[in-house]
Protein backbone atom coordinates (compact mmCIF):
# COMPACT_ATOMS: atom_id res chain seq x y z
CA UNK A 1 142.29 18.73 -104.01
CA UNK A 2 146.09 18.96 -103.74
CA UNK A 3 148.40 16.12 -102.78
CA UNK A 4 149.18 17.82 -99.47
CA UNK A 5 152.89 18.38 -100.05
CA UNK A 6 154.51 21.56 -98.74
CA UNK A 7 158.02 22.80 -98.02
CA UNK A 8 158.78 19.89 -95.69
CA UNK A 9 160.58 16.87 -97.09
CA UNK A 10 158.00 14.16 -97.76
CA UNK A 11 158.26 11.28 -95.31
CA UNK A 12 155.82 8.37 -95.39
CA UNK A 13 155.68 5.21 -93.33
CA UNK A 14 154.35 1.68 -93.48
CA UNK A 15 153.75 0.42 -89.96
CA UNK A 16 152.80 -3.28 -89.95
CA UNK A 17 152.27 -5.48 -86.91
CA UNK A 18 154.34 -8.71 -86.97
CA UNK A 19 151.32 -10.97 -86.51
CA UNK A 20 151.49 -13.19 -89.61
CA UNK A 21 151.78 -13.16 -93.39
CA UNK A 22 151.43 -9.93 -95.33
CA UNK A 23 148.06 -9.72 -97.11
CA UNK A 24 148.06 -8.20 -100.59
CA UNK A 25 146.14 -5.20 -99.19
CA UNK A 26 149.13 -4.48 -96.95
CA UNK A 27 151.53 -4.67 -99.88
CA UNK A 28 149.33 -2.24 -101.84
CA UNK A 29 149.57 0.19 -98.90
CA UNK A 30 153.36 -0.17 -99.07
CA UNK A 31 153.28 0.45 -102.82
CA UNK A 32 151.21 3.64 -102.63
CA UNK A 33 153.42 4.96 -99.81
CA UNK A 34 156.53 4.15 -101.83
CA UNK A 35 155.23 5.70 -105.08
CA UNK A 36 154.22 8.91 -103.34
CA UNK A 37 157.54 9.24 -101.49
CA UNK A 38 159.71 8.56 -104.53
CA UNK A 39 157.67 10.87 -106.76
CA UNK A 40 158.34 13.72 -104.32
CA UNK A 41 161.96 12.86 -103.59
CA UNK A 42 161.01 11.78 -100.09
CA UNK A 43 161.75 8.96 -97.66
CA UNK A 44 159.87 5.68 -97.24
CA UNK A 45 160.03 4.43 -93.64
CA UNK A 46 159.06 1.01 -92.29
CA UNK A 47 158.23 0.95 -88.59
CA UNK A 48 157.32 -2.29 -86.83
CA UNK A 49 154.31 -1.84 -84.54
CA UNK A 50 154.85 -4.67 -82.09
CA UNK A 51 153.22 -3.14 -79.03
CA UNK A 52 150.70 -5.99 -78.74
CA UNK A 53 153.02 -8.72 -77.53
CA UNK A 54 150.15 -11.22 -77.20
CA UNK A 55 149.73 -11.23 -81.01
CA UNK A 56 153.45 -11.31 -81.88
CA UNK A 57 154.34 -14.15 -84.26
CA UNK A 58 157.92 -15.35 -84.66
CA UNK A 59 159.24 -14.91 -88.19
CA UNK A 60 156.60 -12.37 -89.22
CA UNK A 61 158.98 -9.41 -89.27
CA UNK A 62 161.48 -11.28 -91.44
CA UNK A 63 158.61 -12.22 -93.74
CA UNK A 64 157.61 -8.56 -94.12
CA UNK A 65 161.10 -7.54 -95.20
CA UNK A 66 161.46 -10.51 -97.54
CA UNK A 67 158.19 -9.46 -99.19
CA UNK A 68 159.38 -5.88 -99.66
CA UNK A 69 162.68 -7.11 -101.08
CA UNK A 70 160.90 -9.39 -103.59
CA UNK A 71 158.63 -6.51 -104.66
CA UNK A 72 161.57 -4.13 -105.08
CA UNK A 73 160.10 -1.69 -102.53
CA UNK A 74 163.20 -0.99 -100.46
CA UNK A 75 162.73 1.21 -97.37
CA UNK A 76 165.01 4.19 -96.77
CA UNK A 77 164.72 3.60 -93.02
CA UNK A 78 163.64 0.55 -91.00
CA UNK A 79 164.83 -1.81 -88.25
CA UNK A 80 166.76 -3.63 -90.98
CA UNK A 81 168.12 -0.60 -92.82
CA UNK A 82 168.66 1.74 -89.85
CA UNK A 83 168.18 5.49 -90.03
CA UNK A 84 168.33 8.75 -88.06
CA UNK A 85 165.08 8.11 -86.15
CA UNK A 86 165.96 4.68 -84.72
CA UNK A 87 164.78 2.53 -83.09
CA UNK A 88 162.10 1.53 -85.59
CA UNK A 89 160.41 -1.12 -83.42
CA UNK A 90 157.83 0.29 -81.05
CA UNK A 91 158.69 -2.24 -78.36
CA UNK A 92 162.17 -0.65 -78.23
CA UNK A 93 160.65 2.82 -77.72
CA UNK A 94 158.46 1.82 -74.75
CA UNK A 95 159.63 4.37 -72.10
CA UNK A 96 158.75 7.31 -74.33
CA UNK A 97 155.04 6.57 -74.61
CA UNK A 98 154.23 6.63 -70.87
CA UNK A 99 155.58 10.18 -70.68
CA UNK A 100 152.96 11.35 -73.19
CA UNK A 101 150.14 9.33 -71.62
CA UNK A 102 150.96 10.81 -68.21
CA UNK A 103 151.00 14.30 -69.73
CA UNK A 104 147.47 13.77 -71.05
CA UNK A 105 146.27 12.60 -67.63
CA UNK A 106 147.86 15.60 -65.93
CA UNK A 107 146.11 17.95 -68.37
CA UNK A 108 142.71 16.28 -67.87
CA UNK A 109 142.60 14.84 -71.38
CA UNK A 110 143.02 11.22 -70.28
CA UNK A 111 142.34 9.22 -67.14
CA UNK A 112 143.30 6.08 -65.22
CA UNK A 113 140.89 3.15 -65.49
CA UNK A 114 141.17 0.36 -62.90
CA UNK A 115 138.39 -1.91 -64.20
CA UNK A 116 139.40 -5.57 -64.25
CA UNK A 117 138.91 -7.81 -67.27
CA UNK A 118 136.14 -9.62 -65.37
CA UNK A 119 134.33 -6.36 -64.60
CA UNK A 120 134.51 -5.30 -68.26
CA UNK A 121 133.20 -8.69 -69.41
CA UNK A 122 130.29 -8.39 -67.00
CA UNK A 123 129.41 -4.97 -68.41
CA UNK A 124 129.57 -6.31 -71.98
CA UNK A 125 127.07 -9.01 -71.05
CA UNK A 126 124.87 -6.52 -69.27
CA UNK A 127 124.91 -3.81 -71.97
CA UNK A 128 124.57 -4.63 -75.66
CA UNK A 129 127.04 -2.75 -77.89
CA UNK A 130 128.97 -1.75 -74.76
CA UNK A 131 131.31 1.20 -75.32
CA UNK A 132 133.54 2.64 -72.63
CA UNK A 133 132.69 6.26 -73.39
CA UNK A 134 130.79 9.31 -72.19
CA UNK A 135 127.58 7.34 -71.50
CA UNK A 136 129.16 4.69 -69.30
CA UNK A 137 132.45 6.02 -67.91
CA UNK A 138 130.64 7.52 -64.90
CA UNK A 139 129.59 4.05 -63.77
CA UNK A 140 133.06 2.51 -64.04
CA UNK A 141 136.07 2.31 -61.76
CA UNK A 142 138.35 5.10 -62.92
CA UNK A 143 139.99 8.34 -61.80
CA UNK A 144 136.92 10.26 -62.97
CA UNK A 145 134.63 8.46 -60.51
CA UNK A 146 137.16 7.92 -57.69
CA UNK A 147 138.48 10.65 -55.44
CA UNK A 148 142.04 11.87 -55.94
CA UNK A 149 143.02 10.11 -52.71
CA UNK A 150 141.46 6.81 -53.82
CA UNK A 151 143.19 7.06 -57.19
CA UNK A 152 146.57 7.80 -55.58
CA UNK A 153 146.05 4.90 -53.20
CA UNK A 154 145.39 2.44 -56.00
CA UNK A 155 148.40 3.66 -57.94
CA UNK A 156 150.62 3.47 -54.87
CA UNK A 157 149.43 -0.09 -54.21
CA UNK A 158 150.44 -1.13 -57.73
CA UNK A 159 146.86 -1.83 -58.81
CA UNK A 160 146.83 -2.62 -62.54
CA UNK A 161 145.38 0.16 -64.68
CA UNK A 162 145.12 1.42 -68.22
CA UNK A 163 145.10 5.01 -69.40
CA UNK A 164 142.13 6.01 -71.58
CA UNK A 165 141.65 9.16 -73.63
CA UNK A 166 138.83 11.37 -72.33
CA UNK A 167 136.76 12.13 -75.40
CA UNK A 168 134.68 15.31 -75.28
CA UNK A 169 130.94 14.78 -75.53
CA UNK A 170 129.05 15.65 -78.72
CA UNK A 171 131.93 17.46 -80.39
CA UNK A 172 132.65 17.44 -84.14
CA UNK A 173 136.12 16.31 -85.20
CA UNK A 174 137.12 17.14 -88.77
CA UNK A 175 140.09 16.49 -91.01
CA UNK A 176 140.78 16.59 -94.74
CA UNK A 177 141.53 13.25 -96.34
CA UNK A 178 143.61 13.35 -99.53
CA UNK A 179 141.24 10.85 -101.16
CA UNK A 180 137.88 11.50 -99.49
CA UNK A 181 137.96 15.25 -98.88
CA UNK A 182 136.53 16.58 -95.60
CA UNK A 183 135.65 13.84 -93.11
CA UNK A 184 133.55 14.66 -90.03
CA UNK A 185 132.96 12.57 -86.88
CA UNK A 186 130.94 13.16 -83.73
CA UNK A 187 132.80 12.17 -80.58
CA UNK A 188 129.61 10.80 -79.00
CA UNK A 189 129.90 7.83 -81.36
CA UNK A 190 133.47 6.98 -80.36
CA UNK A 191 134.63 5.26 -77.17
CA UNK A 192 137.44 6.31 -74.82
CA UNK A 193 140.21 4.27 -76.41
CA UNK A 194 142.93 2.75 -74.25
CA UNK A 195 146.21 4.61 -74.83
CA UNK A 196 148.50 2.79 -72.41
CA UNK A 197 147.94 -0.84 -71.43
CA UNK A 198 148.45 -2.43 -68.02
CA UNK A 199 151.84 -3.83 -69.12
CA UNK A 200 153.06 -0.29 -69.84
CA UNK A 201 152.97 -0.77 -73.60
CA UNK A 202 151.11 1.80 -75.69
CA UNK A 203 148.21 0.86 -77.92
CA UNK A 204 148.35 1.62 -81.62
CA UNK A 205 146.39 4.85 -81.04
CA UNK A 206 149.01 6.50 -78.86
CA UNK A 207 152.08 4.95 -80.45
CA UNK A 208 151.19 5.87 -84.03
CA UNK A 209 150.71 9.53 -83.13
CA UNK A 210 153.87 9.81 -81.02
CA UNK A 211 156.00 7.95 -83.56
CA UNK A 212 154.67 9.87 -86.56
CA UNK A 213 155.56 13.08 -84.74
CA UNK A 214 158.98 11.92 -83.60
CA UNK A 215 159.84 10.53 -87.04
CA UNK A 216 158.61 13.69 -88.81
CA UNK A 217 156.09 11.79 -90.96
CA UNK A 218 154.37 14.16 -93.38
CA UNK A 219 151.86 11.82 -95.04
CA UNK A 220 150.12 8.69 -93.75
CA UNK A 221 148.51 6.24 -96.17
CA UNK A 222 146.48 3.49 -94.54
CA UNK A 223 143.44 1.31 -95.24
CA UNK A 224 139.96 2.74 -94.84
CA UNK A 225 139.30 0.31 -91.97
CA UNK A 226 141.27 2.80 -89.84
CA UNK A 227 138.78 5.62 -90.48
CA UNK A 228 136.75 4.93 -87.28
CA UNK A 229 139.92 5.53 -85.23
CA UNK A 230 140.65 8.83 -86.96
CA UNK A 231 138.85 11.13 -84.44
CA UNK A 232 140.91 9.70 -81.56
CA UNK A 233 144.11 10.30 -83.53
CA UNK A 234 143.09 13.83 -84.52
CA UNK A 235 142.43 14.70 -80.88
CA UNK A 236 145.74 13.18 -79.78
CA UNK A 237 147.54 15.31 -82.34
CA UNK A 238 145.64 18.36 -81.13
CA UNK A 239 146.38 17.64 -77.46
CA UNK A 240 150.03 16.59 -77.79
CA UNK A 241 151.64 18.28 -80.77
CA UNK A 242 149.20 20.66 -82.43
CA UNK A 243 147.12 19.96 -85.53
CA UNK A 244 149.54 21.95 -87.68
CA UNK A 245 152.05 19.11 -87.20
CA UNK A 246 149.64 16.30 -88.10
CA UNK A 247 150.48 14.34 -91.26
CA UNK A 248 148.20 14.55 -94.27
CA UNK A 249 146.09 11.37 -94.29
CA UNK A 250 144.86 9.25 -97.14
CA UNK A 251 142.56 6.33 -96.34
CA UNK A 252 142.90 3.81 -99.17
CA UNK A 253 139.89 1.91 -100.55
CA UNK A 254 139.39 -1.71 -99.53
CA UNK A 255 140.31 -4.60 -101.79
CA UNK A 256 137.02 -6.43 -102.16
CA UNK A 257 136.04 -10.06 -102.78
CA UNK A 258 135.66 -10.91 -106.50
CA UNK A 259 131.87 -10.47 -106.22
CA UNK A 260 132.36 -7.09 -104.54
CA UNK A 261 130.57 -8.25 -101.40
CA UNK A 262 132.91 -7.35 -98.54
CA UNK A 263 136.64 -7.14 -97.89
CA UNK A 264 138.88 -9.79 -99.48
CA UNK A 265 140.25 -12.24 -96.92
CA UNK A 266 142.60 -15.21 -96.81
CA UNK A 267 139.54 -17.46 -96.50
CA UNK A 268 138.24 -16.15 -99.83
CA UNK A 269 141.51 -17.10 -101.49
CA UNK A 270 141.43 -20.57 -99.92
CA UNK A 271 137.81 -21.03 -101.03
CA UNK A 272 138.25 -19.73 -104.58
CA UNK A 273 141.74 -21.08 -105.24
CA UNK A 274 143.97 -18.02 -105.46
CA UNK A 275 146.69 -16.57 -103.20
CA UNK A 276 146.09 -13.53 -101.00
CA UNK A 277 149.62 -13.31 -99.54
CA UNK A 278 152.67 -12.06 -101.44
CA UNK A 279 154.87 -15.03 -100.46
CA UNK A 280 154.27 -18.44 -98.92
CA UNK A 281 153.55 -18.07 -95.21
CA UNK A 282 154.13 -20.99 -92.84
CA UNK A 283 152.22 -20.59 -89.59
CA UNK A 284 154.82 -21.37 -86.87
CA UNK A 285 152.14 -22.80 -84.56
CA UNK A 286 150.27 -25.07 -86.97
CA UNK A 287 152.83 -25.44 -89.80
CA UNK A 288 149.95 -24.65 -92.15
CA UNK A 289 151.22 -23.22 -95.46
CA UNK A 290 149.40 -20.33 -97.09
CA UNK A 291 150.44 -20.08 -100.75
CA UNK A 292 151.89 -16.82 -101.98
CA UNK A 293 151.88 -15.12 -105.37
CA UNK A 294 155.64 -15.68 -105.72
CA UNK A 295 155.38 -19.43 -105.25
CA UNK A 296 152.36 -19.59 -107.55
CA UNK A 297 154.69 -18.35 -110.30
CA UNK A 298 154.08 -14.60 -110.35
CA UNK A 299 156.74 -12.07 -111.24
CA UNK A 300 157.14 -9.18 -108.77
CA UNK A 301 156.69 -6.69 -111.63
CA UNK A 302 153.28 -8.21 -112.41
CA UNK A 303 152.29 -8.42 -108.75
CA UNK A 304 152.87 -4.75 -107.98
CA UNK A 305 151.41 -3.69 -111.34
CA UNK A 306 148.24 -5.63 -110.48
CA UNK A 307 148.13 -4.09 -106.99
CA UNK A 308 148.46 -0.55 -108.34
CA UNK A 309 145.46 -1.16 -110.60
CA UNK A 310 143.36 -2.08 -107.55
CA UNK A 311 142.20 1.43 -106.77
CA UNK A 312 144.33 3.61 -109.07
CA UNK A 313 144.78 4.41 -112.74
CA UNK A 314 146.47 7.32 -114.49
CA UNK A 315 143.48 8.07 -116.71
CA UNK A 316 145.32 7.24 -119.96
CA UNK A 317 144.02 3.69 -120.44
CA UNK A 318 147.53 2.28 -120.00
CA UNK A 319 147.51 -0.91 -117.93
CA UNK A 320 151.07 -2.24 -117.90
CA UNK A 321 153.41 -0.07 -115.81
CA UNK A 322 156.95 -0.62 -114.62
CA UNK A 323 157.76 0.58 -111.10
CA UNK A 324 159.60 3.61 -112.53
CA UNK A 325 156.59 4.46 -114.71
CA UNK A 326 154.31 4.19 -111.69
CA UNK A 327 156.55 6.53 -109.69
CA UNK A 328 156.40 9.00 -112.57
CA UNK A 329 152.64 8.82 -113.13
CA UNK A 330 151.20 8.13 -109.67
CA UNK A 331 148.77 10.72 -108.36
CA UNK A 332 146.82 10.56 -105.12
CA UNK A 333 143.96 12.38 -106.88
CA UNK A 334 143.58 9.34 -109.16
CA UNK A 335 143.11 6.89 -106.25
CA UNK A 336 139.47 5.82 -106.10
CA UNK A 337 137.25 6.28 -103.06
CA UNK A 338 135.29 3.06 -103.65
CA UNK A 339 136.59 -0.46 -103.04
CA UNK A 340 138.33 -2.38 -105.83
CA UNK A 341 137.15 -5.91 -106.71
CA UNK A 342 139.96 -8.44 -106.86
CA UNK A 343 140.03 -10.25 -110.20
CA UNK A 344 142.38 -13.24 -110.29
CA UNK A 345 141.97 -13.67 -114.05
CA UNK A 346 143.19 -10.10 -114.48
CA UNK A 347 146.09 -10.81 -112.13
CA UNK A 348 147.05 -13.76 -114.35
CA UNK A 349 146.81 -11.51 -117.41
CA UNK A 350 149.28 -9.08 -115.84
CA UNK A 351 151.68 -11.93 -115.15
CA UNK A 352 151.49 -13.24 -118.70
CA UNK A 353 152.09 -9.73 -120.06
CA UNK A 354 155.17 -9.31 -117.87
CA UNK A 355 156.55 -12.74 -118.76
CA UNK A 356 156.34 -11.68 -122.41
CA UNK A 357 157.62 -8.15 -121.78
CA UNK A 358 160.71 -8.81 -119.66
CA UNK A 359 164.01 -10.17 -120.99
CA UNK A 360 164.06 -13.83 -119.98
CA UNK A 361 167.41 -13.20 -118.28
CA UNK A 362 165.48 -11.50 -115.45
CA UNK A 363 163.74 -14.74 -114.48
CA UNK A 364 165.95 -17.41 -116.08
CA UNK A 365 167.60 -18.45 -112.79
CA UNK A 366 164.22 -18.84 -111.12
CA UNK A 367 162.86 -20.96 -113.97
CA UNK A 368 165.98 -23.12 -113.90
CA UNK A 369 165.37 -23.71 -110.20
CA UNK A 370 161.71 -24.60 -110.84
CA UNK A 371 162.79 -27.06 -113.55
CA UNK A 372 165.37 -28.60 -111.21
CA UNK A 373 162.67 -29.15 -108.57
CA UNK A 374 160.87 -31.27 -111.18
CA UNK A 375 164.01 -33.27 -111.93
CA UNK A 376 164.79 -31.43 -115.18
CA UNK A 377 168.40 -30.37 -115.64
CA UNK A 378 168.40 -27.35 -117.95
CA UNK A 379 171.43 -26.59 -120.08
CA UNK A 380 172.56 -22.98 -119.68
CA UNK A 381 173.87 -22.98 -123.25
CA UNK A 382 170.39 -22.89 -124.74
CA UNK A 383 168.07 -22.14 -121.79
CA UNK A 384 167.63 -18.47 -122.74
CA UNK A 385 166.80 -19.47 -126.32
CA UNK A 386 164.25 -22.04 -125.08
CA UNK A 387 162.57 -19.58 -122.71
CA UNK A 388 162.29 -16.96 -125.44
CA UNK A 389 160.66 -19.53 -127.70
CA UNK A 390 157.98 -20.66 -125.25
CA UNK A 391 157.36 -17.62 -123.02
CA UNK A 392 154.33 -16.46 -125.03
CA UNK A 393 152.59 -19.63 -123.87
CA UNK A 394 153.25 -19.17 -120.16
CA UNK A 395 150.89 -17.52 -117.68
CA UNK A 396 152.98 -18.47 -114.62
CA UNK A 397 156.69 -19.13 -114.26
CA UNK A 398 155.73 -22.67 -113.27
CA UNK A 399 154.21 -23.12 -116.75
CA UNK A 400 157.74 -23.25 -118.17
CA UNK A 401 157.98 -26.77 -116.76
CA UNK A 402 155.33 -28.10 -119.12
CA UNK A 403 156.20 -25.82 -122.00
CA UNK A 404 159.98 -26.36 -121.92
CA UNK A 405 160.68 -29.74 -120.32
CA UNK A 406 160.87 -31.63 -123.63
CA UNK A 407 163.86 -29.53 -124.69
CA UNK A 408 165.90 -31.06 -121.87
CA UNK A 409 164.27 -34.45 -121.42
CA UNK A 410 162.52 -36.51 -124.12
CA UNK A 411 158.98 -37.64 -123.39
CA UNK A 412 158.82 -41.06 -121.77
CA UNK A 413 155.31 -41.60 -123.16
CA UNK A 414 155.01 -39.94 -126.59
CA UNK A 415 151.41 -39.68 -127.83
CA UNK A 416 151.66 -42.54 -130.36
CA UNK A 417 147.88 -42.94 -130.37
CA UNK A 418 147.53 -39.63 -132.22
CA UNK A 419 149.79 -40.86 -135.04
CA UNK A 420 148.73 -44.50 -135.50
CA UNK A 421 145.28 -44.09 -137.17
CA UNK A 422 146.79 -42.41 -140.26
CA UNK A 423 150.21 -44.01 -140.17
CA UNK A 424 151.37 -46.02 -143.18
CA UNK A 425 154.52 -47.33 -144.82
CA UNK A 426 154.81 -44.27 -147.05
CA UNK A 427 155.09 -41.98 -144.02
CA UNK A 428 157.45 -44.41 -142.34
CA UNK A 429 159.75 -44.27 -145.36
CA UNK A 430 159.55 -40.47 -145.41
CA UNK A 431 160.95 -40.21 -141.89
CA UNK A 432 163.67 -42.77 -142.62
CA UNK A 433 164.70 -40.59 -145.58
CA UNK A 434 164.42 -37.46 -143.43
CA UNK A 435 166.91 -38.96 -140.99
CA UNK A 436 169.39 -39.51 -143.85
CA UNK A 437 168.80 -36.01 -145.25
CA UNK A 438 169.26 -34.36 -141.86
CA UNK A 439 172.40 -36.42 -141.22
CA UNK A 440 173.90 -34.92 -144.37
CA UNK A 441 172.77 -31.33 -143.72
CA UNK A 442 175.64 -28.85 -143.56
CA UNK A 443 173.59 -26.30 -141.61
CA UNK A 444 171.21 -26.74 -138.70
CA UNK A 445 168.90 -23.71 -138.70
CA UNK A 446 165.08 -23.76 -138.47
CA UNK A 447 164.50 -22.20 -141.90
CA UNK A 448 166.84 -24.67 -143.66
CA UNK A 449 165.35 -27.64 -141.81
CA UNK A 450 161.86 -26.58 -142.93
CA UNK A 451 162.89 -26.20 -146.57
CA UNK A 452 164.50 -29.64 -146.55
CA UNK A 453 161.45 -31.17 -144.87
CA UNK A 454 159.02 -29.71 -147.41
CA UNK A 455 161.17 -30.59 -150.44
CA UNK A 456 161.39 -34.18 -149.25
CA UNK A 457 157.64 -34.38 -148.62
CA UNK A 458 156.96 -33.09 -152.15
CA UNK A 459 159.38 -35.65 -153.58
CA UNK A 460 157.45 -38.36 -151.74
CA UNK A 461 154.09 -36.92 -152.92
CA UNK A 462 153.02 -36.24 -149.34
CA UNK A 463 151.49 -33.06 -147.94
CA UNK A 464 153.65 -31.38 -145.27
CA UNK A 465 150.52 -30.88 -143.15
CA UNK A 466 149.98 -34.61 -142.66
CA UNK A 467 153.60 -35.08 -141.61
CA UNK A 468 153.85 -32.20 -139.15
CA UNK A 469 151.87 -33.85 -136.34
CA UNK A 470 153.97 -37.03 -136.35
CA UNK A 471 157.12 -34.89 -136.45
CA UNK A 472 155.92 -32.79 -133.51
CA UNK A 473 155.06 -35.86 -131.44
CA UNK A 474 158.46 -37.35 -132.22
CA UNK A 475 160.22 -34.26 -130.88
CA UNK A 476 157.82 -33.05 -128.18
CA UNK A 477 155.79 -36.08 -127.16
CA UNK A 478 152.43 -34.30 -127.53
CA UNK A 479 150.35 -31.86 -129.58
CA UNK A 480 151.80 -28.64 -128.18
CA UNK A 481 154.82 -26.40 -128.29
CA UNK A 482 156.24 -23.72 -130.57
CA UNK A 483 157.26 -24.16 -134.21
CA UNK A 484 158.53 -27.67 -134.76
CA UNK A 485 161.55 -26.63 -136.87
CA UNK A 486 162.58 -24.12 -134.19
CA UNK A 487 162.37 -26.98 -131.71
CA UNK A 488 164.59 -29.16 -133.89
CA UNK A 489 167.10 -26.32 -134.32
CA UNK A 490 167.46 -25.96 -130.55
CA UNK A 491 167.53 -29.71 -129.86
CA UNK A 492 170.41 -30.13 -132.28
CA UNK A 493 171.05 -32.80 -134.90
CA UNK A 494 171.86 -35.77 -132.68
CA UNK A 495 168.92 -35.31 -130.29
CA UNK A 496 166.44 -34.64 -133.10
CA UNK A 497 167.44 -37.78 -135.01
CA UNK A 498 167.48 -39.87 -131.83
CA UNK A 499 163.89 -38.85 -131.05
CA UNK A 500 162.67 -39.57 -134.59
CA UNK A 501 164.27 -43.06 -134.45
CA UNK A 502 162.75 -43.76 -131.01
CA UNK A 503 159.18 -43.02 -132.09
CA UNK A 504 159.61 -44.89 -135.37
CA UNK A 505 160.61 -47.93 -133.30
CA UNK A 506 157.31 -47.69 -131.43
CA UNK A 507 155.06 -47.46 -134.49
């Protein structure tokens, strides 16, 4: 199977609805669109599908663009970035859609339906699995069952109506999916979808086809949950613009719950204790906060790397990819058909690998901010050195608080209990002598401090091993942290000696 590119410039789009936070499945759709476009020298378009005004949520559009910015997936065209096919919000393109819906009615490929919400509800109660399609449309109130005069009368009177596509009965609709190969549907199993709503706004079905045509979209990547709508969209392309102009489609596999049993949802994350949104989302109605990967302490490089691995690999066994490497190696043929189980432990592994891999300068400002939130004022003079020393121990950026705080603020409750059982006067004297020796040291480097420490322990007939834990607790406050002499080197002479004296005063 080929990737569906031809002589046309590749143009892909991500078309979210501003109805809330952006689920990680949505960000993966963005990522695969972006990788494909950039690999082929094409354009990545973001179009806001806000035709359903009843579901519009204030702040959701801003959230979408903040997410893309954090991930480094910058659109070439969007409501924010502009472009030659503006406007990029469907609500601002409203007049255009009615023209196409009316054209379909005129050609006998769509019809007016005057059924009220109450009448539709009654039918749903009367008929299980009610579908407004070939089997039922003849018993409903529409321009197929009414005379032309009756229809014109209702329209002239301003009677509310929707426009529905008229699906042919028992006809096969086929298209080639870039991931799944040939896909076949029978129209008898699909209902007559609403194309234009009573408020004059198009539904997704009409708007996506018209906008993809108008914006010259060549490839459409979307989740497999949109497969059932595909026959309606194929027919709309056929009726309005010709199938030769239809984008190549790729229906991406679902991201599944960790046990593989069904699609991953926000509720699963809440239940199992992991984020499912890219960034924190605050529901404007309830003020409920849904935690995001960013606020949990993930790096964007790790987040998108993890998302790429949910349904794609390059076949080489490589797991850690930069965005540029993904652009270079991405292939639609290597996207899996089956769903990908979400594994939070693996997500954490990616984050730890990226914390180790990246220069700390890329996330130093963020860590400094996290430290400040915990009341820890980090000194820029040695912050980079500190982060380099402890980053191997950090899974999340937030872990730097625990791993690095003692460099900037001595422990208020050093773990004296771990020292006391084996503490004696001989060890006490050793540390008093160590203070004098370190006061006289002409250099303050980790290697020299270690040599001096070990020479003094030998002179006092003590094993360095039995002195290291007390020394660590004096400097750190607990049984953790990197090499103790590296810690002392960064703390500096005055702070190191002050901490030794403080703990000695407590023993």
